[in-house]
Amino acid sequence: MNAGQAPGTHIDTSTPHSARMWNFWLGGKDNYPVDRELGAQLAESYPQIIDIARASRRFQARAVRHLVLERGIRQFLDLGTGLPTANSTHEVAQEAAADARIVYVDNDPIVLAHARALMVSRPEGATNYVHADLTDSATVLKEATATLDLSRPVALMLLSTLGHVIDDGAARDLLRSYLDALPSGSCLILCDTIETPESRAASDDYAEGGALPYVSRPADTVRSFTEGLELIEPGFGSISLWRPDAPLTGAPVDQWGFVGVKP
């Protein structure tokens, strides 16, 4: 997801791309030499990036499963979808509740090219894809109503995505524009990389390599995105520690996040 860019249909294989590099770090094959080159460079200078990519995918699955089974959520709006991979939102949600409805949103042309793979839904539910920029919340929400009932609770998802919205105030306003449109009982699943000297250097290398900039933020700034929400235990912290399925091995990753409920 390249936030802030108009959606297009041309796949540029000469410039590194966030969705394709993420796919590379996850061990996928939907990437090009330019993505692998910068992806390998970043993995060498910031080895945790591979752990972060995998931890984010596992956090997503745990959070979605919890909201379906424990909170009765049946609708998901996944912003900055990225490329299809194992345990995508609709697979996890519909395994837990076949009638779950999911809308994926992305503006990356390669994601558009793979959209049919995202839309293999169980017949009891629905899965759809909106080709739009997540920063255009009015358009996204309007298109999402073809699949989701916004008068009923929706889980809004931003995983490793909000860092593409560089300005803190703009990121906060964007979150509010979505949450204000959703009813009480809706949820927010969010995670992003916390600023450390290593992650800050990786962000600089990422931008210098030609990819759309992605900022890591201080923990207190990411924590401020929880304003107005009731956090589900264990609250805000490394996603490695959010209701893990197994005892943690190794250090918690620098990707922090939370699952919050709109009162």
C-alpha atoms as a PDB file:
ATOM      1  CA  MET A   1       0.000   0.000   0.000  1.00  0.00           C
ATOM      2  CA  ASN A   2       1.429   3.331  -1.085  1.00  0.00           C
ATOM      3  CA  ALA A   3      -0.693   5.741   0.941  1.00  0.00           C
ATOM      4  CA  GLY A   4      -1.193   9.139  -0.583  1.00  0.00           C
ATOM      5  CA  GLN A   5      -0.887   7.959  -4.191  1.00  0.00           C
ATOM      6  CA  ALA A   6      -3.785   7.729  -6.622  1.00  0.00           C
ATOM      7  CA  PRO A   7      -4.645   4.134  -7.510  1.00  0.00           C
ATOM      8  CA  GLY A   8      -3.273   2.983 -10.845  1.00  0.00           C
ATOM      9  CA  THR A   9      -3.078  -0.136 -12.970  1.00  0.00           C
ATOM     10  CA  HIS A  10       0.509  -0.032 -14.279  1.00  0.00           C
ATOM     11  CA  ILE A  11       2.997  -2.260 -12.452  1.00  0.00           C
ATOM     12  CA  ASP A  12       6.373  -0.504 -12.243  1.00  0.00           C
ATOM     13  CA  THR A  13       9.098  -3.128 -11.974  1.00  0.00           C
ATOM     14  CA  SER A  14      11.911  -0.551 -11.921  1.00  0.00           C
ATOM     15  CA  THR A  15      11.115   0.866  -8.455  1.00  0.00           C
ATOM     16  CA  PRO A  16      10.995  -1.053  -5.159  1.00  0.00           C
ATOM     17  CA  HIS A  17       7.470  -1.538  -3.906  1.00  0.00           C
ATOM     18  CA  SER A  18       6.298  -1.906  -0.315  1.00  0.00           C
ATOM     19  CA  ALA A  19       3.800  -4.721  -0.965  1.00  0.00           C
ATOM     20  CA  ARG A  20       6.298  -6.703  -3.006  1.00  0.00           C
ATOM     21  CA  MET A  21       9.129  -6.272  -0.478  1.00  0.00           C
ATOM     22  CA  TRP A  22       6.798  -7.385   2.316  1.00  0.00           C
ATOM     23  CA  ASN A  23       5.996 -10.410   0.183  1.00  0.00           C
ATOM     24  CA  PHE A  24       9.739 -11.054  -0.205  1.00  0.00           C
ATOM     25  CA  TRP A  25      10.332 -10.878   3.559  1.00  0.00           C
ATOM     26  CA  LEU A  26       7.481 -13.352   4.073  1.00  0.00           C
ATOM     27  CA  GLY A  27       9.122 -15.772   1.666  1.00  0.00           C
ATOM     28  CA  GLY A  28       6.698 -15.179  -1.207  1.00  0.00           C
ATOM     29  CA  LYS A  29       7.383 -15.155  -4.932  1.00  0.00           C
ATOM     30  CA  ASP A  30       5.322 -12.139  -6.027  1.00  0.00           C
ATOM     31  CA  ASN A  31       8.251  -9.717  -6.239  1.00  0.00           C
ATOM     32  CA  TYR A  32      10.844  -8.483  -8.707  1.00  0.00           C
ATOM     33  CA  PRO A  33      14.652  -8.134  -8.661  1.00  0.00           C
ATOM     34  CA  VAL A  34      14.442  -4.494  -7.584  1.00  0.00           C
ATOM     35  CA  ASP A  35      12.317  -5.501  -4.578  1.00  0.00           C
ATOM     36  CA  ARG A  36      14.590  -8.368  -3.624  1.00  0.00           C
ATOM     37  CA  GLU A  37      17.674  -6.171  -3.889  1.00  0.00           C
ATOM     38  CA  LEU A  38      16.411  -3.492  -1.499  1.00  0.00           C
ATOM     39  CA  GLY A  39      14.647  -6.070   0.650  1.00  0.00           C
ATOM     40  CA  ALA A  40      17.862  -8.034   1.112  1.00  0.00           C
ATOM     41  CA  GLN A  41      19.788  -4.832   1.845  1.00  0.00           C
ATOM     42  CA  LEU A  42      17.347  -3.851   4.577  1.00  0.00           C
ATOM     43  CA  ALA A  43      17.313  -7.373   6.022  1.00  0.00           C
ATOM     44  CA  GLU A  44      21.078  -7.214   6.292  1.00  0.00           C
ATOM     45  CA  SER A  45      21.174  -3.818   8.007  1.00  0.00           C
ATOM     46  CA  TYR A  46      18.025  -4.414  10.091  1.00  0.00           C
ATOM     47  CA  PRO A  47      17.635  -8.211  10.446  1.00  0.00           C
ATOM     48  CA  GLN A  48      14.548  -7.828  12.623  1.00  0.00           C
ATOM     49  CA  ILE A  49      12.526  -6.742   9.590  1.00  0.00           C
ATOM     50  CA  ILE A  50      11.915 -10.379   8.639  1.00  0.00           C
ATOM     51  CA  ASP A  51      10.784 -11.188  12.181  1.00  0.00           C
ATOM     52  CA  ILE A  52       8.545  -8.115  12.115  1.00  0.00           C
ATOM     53  CA  ALA A  53       6.881  -9.171   8.848  1.00  0.00           C
ATOM     54  CA  ARG A  54       6.150 -12.643  10.183  1.00  0.00           C
ATOM     55  CA  ALA A  55       5.086 -11.413  13.632  1.00  0.00           C
ATOM     56  CA  SER A  56       2.684  -8.935  12.009  1.00  0.00           C
ATOM     57  CA  ARG A  57       1.023 -11.718  10.033  1.00  0.00           C
ATOM     58  CA  ARG A  58       0.629 -13.848  13.165  1.00  0.00           C
ATOM     59  CA  PHE A  59      -0.704 -10.886  15.189  1.00  0.00           C
ATOM     60  CA  GLN A  60      -3.252 -10.221  12.467  1.00  0.00           C
ATOM     61  CA  ALA A  61      -4.523 -13.792  12.622  1.00  0.00           C
ATOM     62  CA  ARG A  62      -4.742 -13.817  16.433  1.00  0.00           C
ATOM     63  CA  ALA A  63      -6.526 -10.470  16.558  1.00  0.00           C
ATOM     64  CA  VAL A  64      -9.041 -11.374  13.851  1.00  0.00           C
ATOM     65  CA  ARG A  65      -9.769 -14.732  15.443  1.00  0.00           C
ATOM     66  CA  HIS A  66     -10.257 -13.117  18.864  1.00  0.00           C
ATOM     67  CA  LEU A  67     -12.673 -10.510  17.521  1.00  0.00           C
ATOM     68  CA  VAL A  68     -14.752 -13.137  15.732  1.00  0.00           C
ATOM     69  CA  LEU A  69     -14.879 -15.677  18.545  1.00  0.00           C
ATOM     70  CA  GLU A  70     -14.863 -13.438  21.626  1.00  0.00           C
ATOM     71  CA  ARG A  71     -16.449 -10.192  20.403  1.00  0.00           C
ATOM     72  CA  GLY A  72     -18.862 -11.440  17.750  1.00  0.00           C
ATOM     73  CA  ILE A  73     -17.378  -9.235  15.018  1.00  0.00           C
ATOM     74  CA  ARG A  74     -18.431 -10.332  11.546  1.00  0.00           C
ATOM     75  CA  GLN A  75     -17.226  -7.414   9.416  1.00  0.00           C
ATOM     76  CA  PHE A  76     -13.640  -6.393   8.609  1.00  0.00           C
ATOM     77  CA  LEU A  77     -12.247  -3.425   6.687  1.00  0.00           C
ATOM     78  CA  ASP A  78      -8.592  -4.227   5.932  1.00  0.00           C
ATOM     79  CA  LEU A  79      -6.717  -1.087   4.819  1.00  0.00           C
ATOM     80  CA  GLY A  80      -3.423  -1.544   3.014  1.00  0.00           C
ATOM     81  CA  THR A  81      -4.060  -5.173   2.218  1.00  0.00           C
ATOM     82  CA  GLY A  82      -0.837  -6.053   0.454  1.00  0.00           C
ATOM     83  CA  LEU A  83      -0.391  -9.233  -1.546  1.00  0.00           C
ATOM     84  CA  PRO A  84      -2.347 -12.400  -0.783  1.00  0.00           C
ATOM     85  CA  THR A  85      -0.574 -14.820   1.505  1.00  0.00           C
ATOM     86  CA  ALA A  86      -1.409 -17.595   3.946  1.00  0.00           C
ATOM     87  CA  ASN A  87      -3.837 -16.701   6.741  1.00  0.00           C
ATOM     88  CA  SER A  88      -5.278 -13.646   5.018  1.00  0.00           C
ATOM     89  CA  THR A  89      -8.034 -11.839   6.898  1.00  0.00           C
ATOM     90  CA  HIS A  90     -10.927 -13.551   5.108  1.00  0.00           C
ATOM     91  CA  GLU A  91      -9.412 -17.006   5.605  1.00  0.00           C
ATOM     92  CA  VAL A  92      -8.993 -16.531   9.353  1.00  0.00           C
ATOM     93  CA  ALA A  93     -12.333 -14.778   9.865  1.00  0.00           C
ATOM     94  CA  GLN A  94     -14.398 -17.192   7.786  1.00  0.00           C
ATOM     95  CA  GLU A  95     -12.740 -20.223   9.324  1.00  0.00           C
ATOM     96  CA  ALA A  96     -14.028 -18.956  12.669  1.00  0.00           C
ATOM     97  CA  ALA A  97     -17.398 -17.749  11.303  1.00  0.00           C
ATOM     98  CA  ALA A  98     -18.377 -18.643   7.752  1.00  0.00           C
ATOM     99  CA  ASP A  99     -20.703 -15.612   7.473  1.00  0.00           C
ATOM    100  CA  ALA A 100     -17.910 -13.062   8.046  1.00  0.00           C
ATOM    101  CA  ARG A 101     -17.710 -10.245   5.507  1.00  0.00           C
ATOM    102  CA  ILE A 102     -14.379  -8.696   4.520  1.00  0.00           C
ATOM    103  CA  VAL A 103     -13.403  -5.719   2.385  1.00  0.00           C
ATOM    104  CA  TYR A 104      -9.762  -5.325   1.378  1.00  0.00           C
ATOM    105  CA  VAL A 105      -8.461  -1.886   0.352  1.00  0.00           C
ATOM    106  CA  ASP A 106      -5.280  -1.111  -1.539  1.00  0.00           C
ATOM    107  CA  ASN A 107      -4.085   1.181  -4.309  1.00  0.00           C
ATOM    108  CA  ASP A 108      -1.178  -0.941  -5.518  1.00  0.00           C
ATOM    109  CA  PRO A 109      -1.632  -2.231  -9.071  1.00  0.00           C
ATOM    110  CA  ILE A 110       0.018  -5.563  -8.302  1.00  0.00           C
ATOM    111  CA  VAL A 111      -2.529  -6.095  -5.511  1.00  0.00           C
ATOM    112  CA  LEU A 112      -5.279  -5.276  -8.006  1.00  0.00           C
ATOM    113  CA  ALA A 113      -3.822  -7.917 -10.312  1.00  0.00           C
ATOM    114  CA  HIS A 114      -4.069 -10.482  -7.513  1.00  0.00           C
ATOM    115  CA  ALA A 115      -7.474  -9.321  -6.248  1.00  0.00           C
ATOM    116  CA  ARG A 116      -9.303 -12.400  -7.501  1.00  0.00           C
ATOM    117  CA  ALA A 117      -7.185 -14.518  -5.189  1.00  0.00           C
ATOM    118  CA  LEU A 118      -8.345 -12.327  -2.305  1.00  0.00           C
ATOM    119  CA  MET A 119     -12.005 -12.692  -3.149  1.00  0.00           C
ATOM    120  CA  VAL A 120     -12.410 -16.466  -2.785  1.00  0.00           C
ATOM    121  CA  SER A 121     -15.073 -16.293  -0.122  1.00  0.00           C
ATOM    122  CA  ARG A 122     -17.189 -18.863   1.612  1.00  0.00           C
ATOM    123  CA  PRO A 123     -20.725 -18.672   0.211  1.00  0.00           C
ATOM    124  CA  GLU A 124     -22.206 -17.813   3.611  1.00  0.00           C
ATOM    125  CA  GLY A 125     -20.108 -14.621   3.814  1.00  0.00           C
ATOM    126  CA  ALA A 126     -18.575 -12.153   1.376  1.00  0.00           C
ATOM    127  CA  THR A 127     -15.145 -10.890   0.382  1.00  0.00           C
ATOM    128  CA  ASN A 128     -14.570  -7.848  -1.784  1.00  0.00           C
ATOM    129  CA  TYR A 129     -11.708  -5.596  -2.886  1.00  0.00           C
ATOM    130  CA  VAL A 130     -11.709  -1.797  -3.220  1.00  0.00           C
ATOM    131  CA  HIS A 131      -8.995  -0.298  -5.417  1.00  0.00           C
ATOM    132  CA  ALA A 132      -8.508   3.053  -3.714  1.00  0.00           C
ATOM    133  CA  ASP A 133      -6.101   5.059  -1.594  1.00  0.00           C
ATOM    134  CA  LEU A 134      -6.658   4.524   2.124  1.00  0.00           C
ATOM    135  CA  THR A 135      -6.166   8.249   2.746  1.00  0.00           C
ATOM    136  CA  ASP A 136      -9.393   8.892   0.781  1.00  0.00           C
ATOM    137  CA  SER A 137     -11.611   7.633   3.568  1.00  0.00           C
ATOM    138  CA  ALA A 138     -14.805   9.015   2.035  1.00  0.00           C
ATOM    139  CA  THR A 139     -14.344   6.964  -1.137  1.00  0.00           C
ATOM    140  CA  VAL A 140     -13.233   3.860   0.741  1.00  0.00           C
ATOM    141  CA  LEU A 141     -16.202   3.945   3.087  1.00  0.00           C
ATOM    142  CA  LYS A 142     -18.645   4.573   0.253  1.00  0.00           C
ATOM    143  CA  GLU A 143     -17.287   1.638  -1.763  1.00  0.00           C
ATOM    144  CA  ALA A 144     -17.165  -0.598   1.309  1.00  0.00           C
ATOM    145  CA  THR A 145     -20.925  -0.228   1.861  1.00  0.00           C
ATOM    146  CA  ALA A 146     -21.490  -2.517  -1.115  1.00  0.00           C
ATOM    147  CA  THR A 147     -20.320  -5.341   1.163  1.00  0.00           C
ATOM    148  CA  LEU A 148     -20.389  -4.049   4.741  1.00  0.00           C
ATOM    149  CA  ASP A 149     -23.256  -2.693   6.828  1.00  0.00           C
ATOM    150  CA  LEU A 150     -21.708   0.335   8.534  1.00  0.00           C
ATOM    151  CA  SER A 151     -24.591   0.522  11.010  1.00  0.00           C
ATOM    152  CA  ARG A 152     -23.199  -2.663  12.581  1.00  0.00           C
ATOM    153  CA  PRO A 153     -19.771  -3.086  14.231  1.00  0.00           C
ATOM    154  CA  VAL A 154     -16.777  -3.267  11.908  1.00  0.00           C
ATOM    155  CA  ALA A 155     -13.158  -4.125  12.671  1.00  0.00           C
ATOM    156  CA  LEU A 156     -10.891  -1.550  11.032  1.00  0.00           C
ATOM    157  CA  MET A 157      -7.412  -2.925  10.294  1.00  0.00           C
ATOM    158  CA  LEU A 158      -4.158  -1.023   9.698  1.00  0.00           C
ATOM    159  CA  LEU A 159      -1.205  -3.367   9.987  1.00  0.00           C
ATOM    160  CA  SER A 160       2.263  -2.045   9.171  1.00  0.00           C
ATOM    161  CA  THR A 161       0.533   0.576   7.046  1.00  0.00           C
ATOM    162  CA  LEU A 162       0.063   3.858   8.891  1.00  0.00           C
ATOM    163  CA  GLY A 163       3.812   4.527   8.744  1.00  0.00           C
ATOM    164  CA  HIS A 164       3.274   5.501   5.099  1.00  0.00           C
ATOM    165  CA  VAL A 165       1.276   8.510   6.361  1.00  0.00           C
ATOM    166  CA  ILE A 166       4.303  10.545   7.356  1.00  0.00           C
ATOM    167  CA  ASP A 167       2.726  13.379   9.352  1.00  0.00           C
ATOM    168  CA  ASP A 168       1.572  12.367  12.844  1.00  0.00           C
ATOM    169  CA  GLY A 169      -1.395  14.719  12.807  1.00  0.00           C
ATOM    170  CA  ALA A 170      -2.520  13.517   9.396  1.00  0.00           C
ATOM    171  CA  ALA A 171      -2.265   9.904  10.560  1.00  0.00           C
ATOM    172  CA  ARG A 172      -4.346  10.687  13.650  1.00  0.00           C
ATOM    173  CA  ASP A 173      -6.959  12.566  11.597  1.00  0.00           C
ATOM    174  CA  LEU A 174      -7.162   9.717   9.115  1.00  0.00           C
ATOM    175  CA  LEU A 175      -7.876   7.208  11.869  1.00  0.00           C
ATOM    176  CA  ARG A 176     -10.556   9.485  13.256  1.00  0.00           C
ATOM    177  CA  SER A 177     -12.224   9.864   9.838  1.00  0.00           C
ATOM    178  CA  TYR A 178     -12.736   6.106   9.734  1.00  0.00           C
ATOM    179  CA  LEU A 179     -13.625   5.515  13.373  1.00  0.00           C
ATOM    180  CA  ASP A 180     -16.134   8.363  13.413  1.00  0.00           C
ATOM    181  CA  ALA A 181     -18.010   6.625  10.572  1.00  0.00           C
ATOM    182  CA  LEU A 182     -18.278   3.329  12.468  1.00  0.00           C
ATOM    183  CA  PRO A 183     -20.775   2.495  15.234  1.00  0.00           C
ATOM    184  CA  SER A 184     -20.197   1.668  18.878  1.00  0.00           C
ATOM    185  CA  GLY A 185     -18.711  -1.790  19.285  1.00  0.00           C
ATOM    186  CA  SER A 186     -16.452  -1.397  16.271  1.00  0.00           C
ATOM    187  CA  CYS A 187     -12.769  -2.191  16.726  1.00  0.00           C
ATOM    188  CA  LEU A 188      -9.367  -1.046  15.546  1.00  0.00           C
ATOM    189  CA  ILE A 189      -6.478  -3.455  14.941  1.00  0.00           C
ATOM    190  CA  LEU A 190      -3.297  -1.441  14.482  1.00  0.00           C
ATOM    191  CA  CYS A 191       0.431  -2.045  14.542  1.00  0.00           C
ATOM    192  CA  ASP A 192       3.491  -0.202  13.272  1.00  0.00           C
ATOM    193  CA  THR A 193       7.220  -0.127  13.811  1.00  0.00           C
ATOM    194  CA  ILE A 194       8.437   1.688  16.918  1.00  0.00           C
ATOM    195  CA  GLU A 195      11.285   4.142  16.475  1.00  0.00           C
ATOM    196  CA  THR A 196      14.692   2.918  17.566  1.00  0.00           C
ATOM    197  CA  PRO A 197      18.087   3.936  16.158  1.00  0.00           C
ATOM    198  CA  GLU A 198      18.028   0.765  14.054  1.00  0.00           C
ATOM    199  CA  SER A 199      14.489   1.169  12.726  1.00  0.00           C
ATOM    200  CA  ARG A 200      15.072   4.863  12.007  1.00  0.00           C
ATOM    201  CA  ALA A 201      18.176   3.985   9.961  1.00  0.00           C
ATOM    202  CA  ALA A 202      16.183   1.305   8.119  1.00  0.00           C
ATOM    203  CA  SER A 203      13.464   3.851   7.297  1.00  0.00           C
ATOM    204  CA  ASP A 204      16.106   6.151   5.822  1.00  0.00           C
ATOM    205  CA  ASP A 205      17.591   3.312   3.751  1.00  0.00           C
ATOM    206  CA  TYR A 206      14.086   2.335   2.629  1.00  0.00           C
ATOM    207  CA  ALA A 207      13.350   5.830   1.296  1.00  0.00           C
ATOM    208  CA  GLU A 208      16.806   6.256  -0.240  1.00  0.00           C
ATOM    209  CA  GLY A 209      16.315   2.945  -2.067  1.00  0.00           C
ATOM    210  CA  GLY A 210      13.414   4.454  -4.015  1.00  0.00           C
ATOM    211  CA  ALA A 211      10.459   3.040  -2.108  1.00  0.00           C
ATOM    212  CA  LEU A 212       7.672   5.260  -0.799  1.00  0.00           C
ATOM    213  CA  PRO A 213       8.827   6.530   2.633  1.00  0.00           C
ATOM    214  CA  TYR A 214       7.715   4.691   5.754  1.00  0.00           C
ATOM    215  CA  VAL A 215       8.319   6.233   9.177  1.00  0.00           C
ATOM    216  CA  SER A 216       8.819   4.495  12.479  1.00  0.00           C
ATOM    217  CA  ARG A 217       7.287   6.437  15.361  1.00  0.00           C
ATOM    218  CA  PRO A 218       8.064   6.800  19.070  1.00  0.00           C
ATOM    219  CA  ALA A 219       5.996   4.456  21.220  1.00  0.00           C
ATOM    220  CA  ASP A 220       4.135   7.365  22.836  1.00  0.00           C
ATOM    221  CA  THR A 221       3.034   8.615  19.412  1.00  0.00           C
ATOM    222  CA  VAL A 222       1.654   5.218  18.401  1.00  0.00           C
ATOM    223  CA  ARG A 223       0.040   4.957  21.838  1.00  0.00           C
ATOM    224  CA  SER A 224      -1.776   8.236  21.132  1.00  0.00           C
ATOM    225  CA  PHE A 225      -3.676   6.460  18.351  1.00  0.00           C
ATOM    226  CA  THR A 226      -5.535   4.553  21.074  1.00  0.00           C
ATOM    227  CA  GLU A 227      -7.325   7.740  22.197  1.00  0.00           C
ATOM    228  CA  GLY A 228     -11.046   7.179  22.717  1.00  0.00           C
ATOM    229  CA  LEU A 229     -10.779   3.396  22.537  1.00  0.00           C
ATOM    230  CA  GLU A 230     -11.035   0.716  25.200  1.00  0.00           C
ATOM    231  CA  LEU A 231      -8.023  -1.556  24.779  1.00  0.00           C
ATOM    232  CA  ILE A 232      -8.389  -5.318  24.863  1.00  0.00           C
ATOM    233  CA  GLU A 233      -5.878  -6.990  27.168  1.00  0.00           C
ATOM    234  CA  PRO A 234      -2.895  -7.024  27.148  1.00  0.00           C
ATOM    235  CA  GLY A 235      -3.219  -3.488  25.794  1.00  0.00           C
ATOM    236  CA  PHE A 236      -0.506  -1.644  23.900  1.00  0.00           C
ATOM    237  CA  GLY A 237       2.921  -3.175  23.377  1.00  0.00           C
ATOM    238  CA  SER A 238       4.989  -5.431  21.157  1.00  0.00           C
ATOM    239  CA  ILE A 239       2.741  -7.533  18.959  1.00  0.00           C
ATOM    240  CA  SER A 240       4.834 -10.564  19.939  1.00  0.00           C
ATOM    241  CA  LEU A 241       3.204 -10.302  23.367  1.00  0.00           C
ATOM    242  CA  TRP A 242      -0.408  -9.861  22.241  1.00  0.00           C
ATOM    243  CA  ARG A 243      -2.124 -13.120  23.234  1.00  0.00           C
ATOM    244  CA  PRO A 244       0.590 -15.390  21.773  1.00  0.00           C
ATOM    245  CA  ASP A 245      -0.360 -18.903  20.739  1.00  0.00           C
ATOM    246  CA  ALA A 246       2.874 -20.311  22.145  1.00  0.00           C
ATOM    247  CA  PRO A 247       5.603 -19.211  24.586  1.00  0.00           C
ATOM    248  CA  LEU A 248       7.751 -16.457  23.106  1.00  0.00           C
ATOM    249  CA  THR A 249      11.181 -17.440  21.855  1.00  0.00           C
ATOM    250  CA  GLY A 250      13.602 -14.581  21.327  1.00  0.00           C
ATOM    251  CA  ALA A 251      13.100 -10.893  22.006  1.00  0.00           C
ATOM    252  CA  PRO A 252       9.782  -9.135  21.307  1.00  0.00           C
ATOM    253  CA  VAL A 253       9.800  -7.346  17.952  1.00  0.00           C
ATOM    254  CA  ASP A 254       9.881  -3.571  17.539  1.00  0.00           C
ATOM    255  CA  GLN A 255       6.459  -3.691  15.932  1.00  0.00           C
ATOM    256  CA  TRP A 256       3.976  -2.486  18.548  1.00  0.00           C
ATOM    257  CA  GLY A 257       0.235  -2.398  18.398  1.00  0.00           C
ATOM    258  CA  PHE A 258      -3.132  -2.940  20.031  1.00  0.00           C
ATOM    259  CA  VAL A 259      -6.725  -3.961  19.524  1.00  0.00           C
ATOM    260  CA  GLY A 260      -9.195  -1.354  20.732  1.00  0.00           C
ATOM    261  CA  VAL A 261     -12.973  -1.165  20.942  1.00  0.00           C
ATOM    262  CA  LYS A 262     -15.020   1.959  20.220  1.00  0.00           C
ATOM    263  CA  PRO A 263     -17.334   2.571  23.205  1.00  0.00           C
END
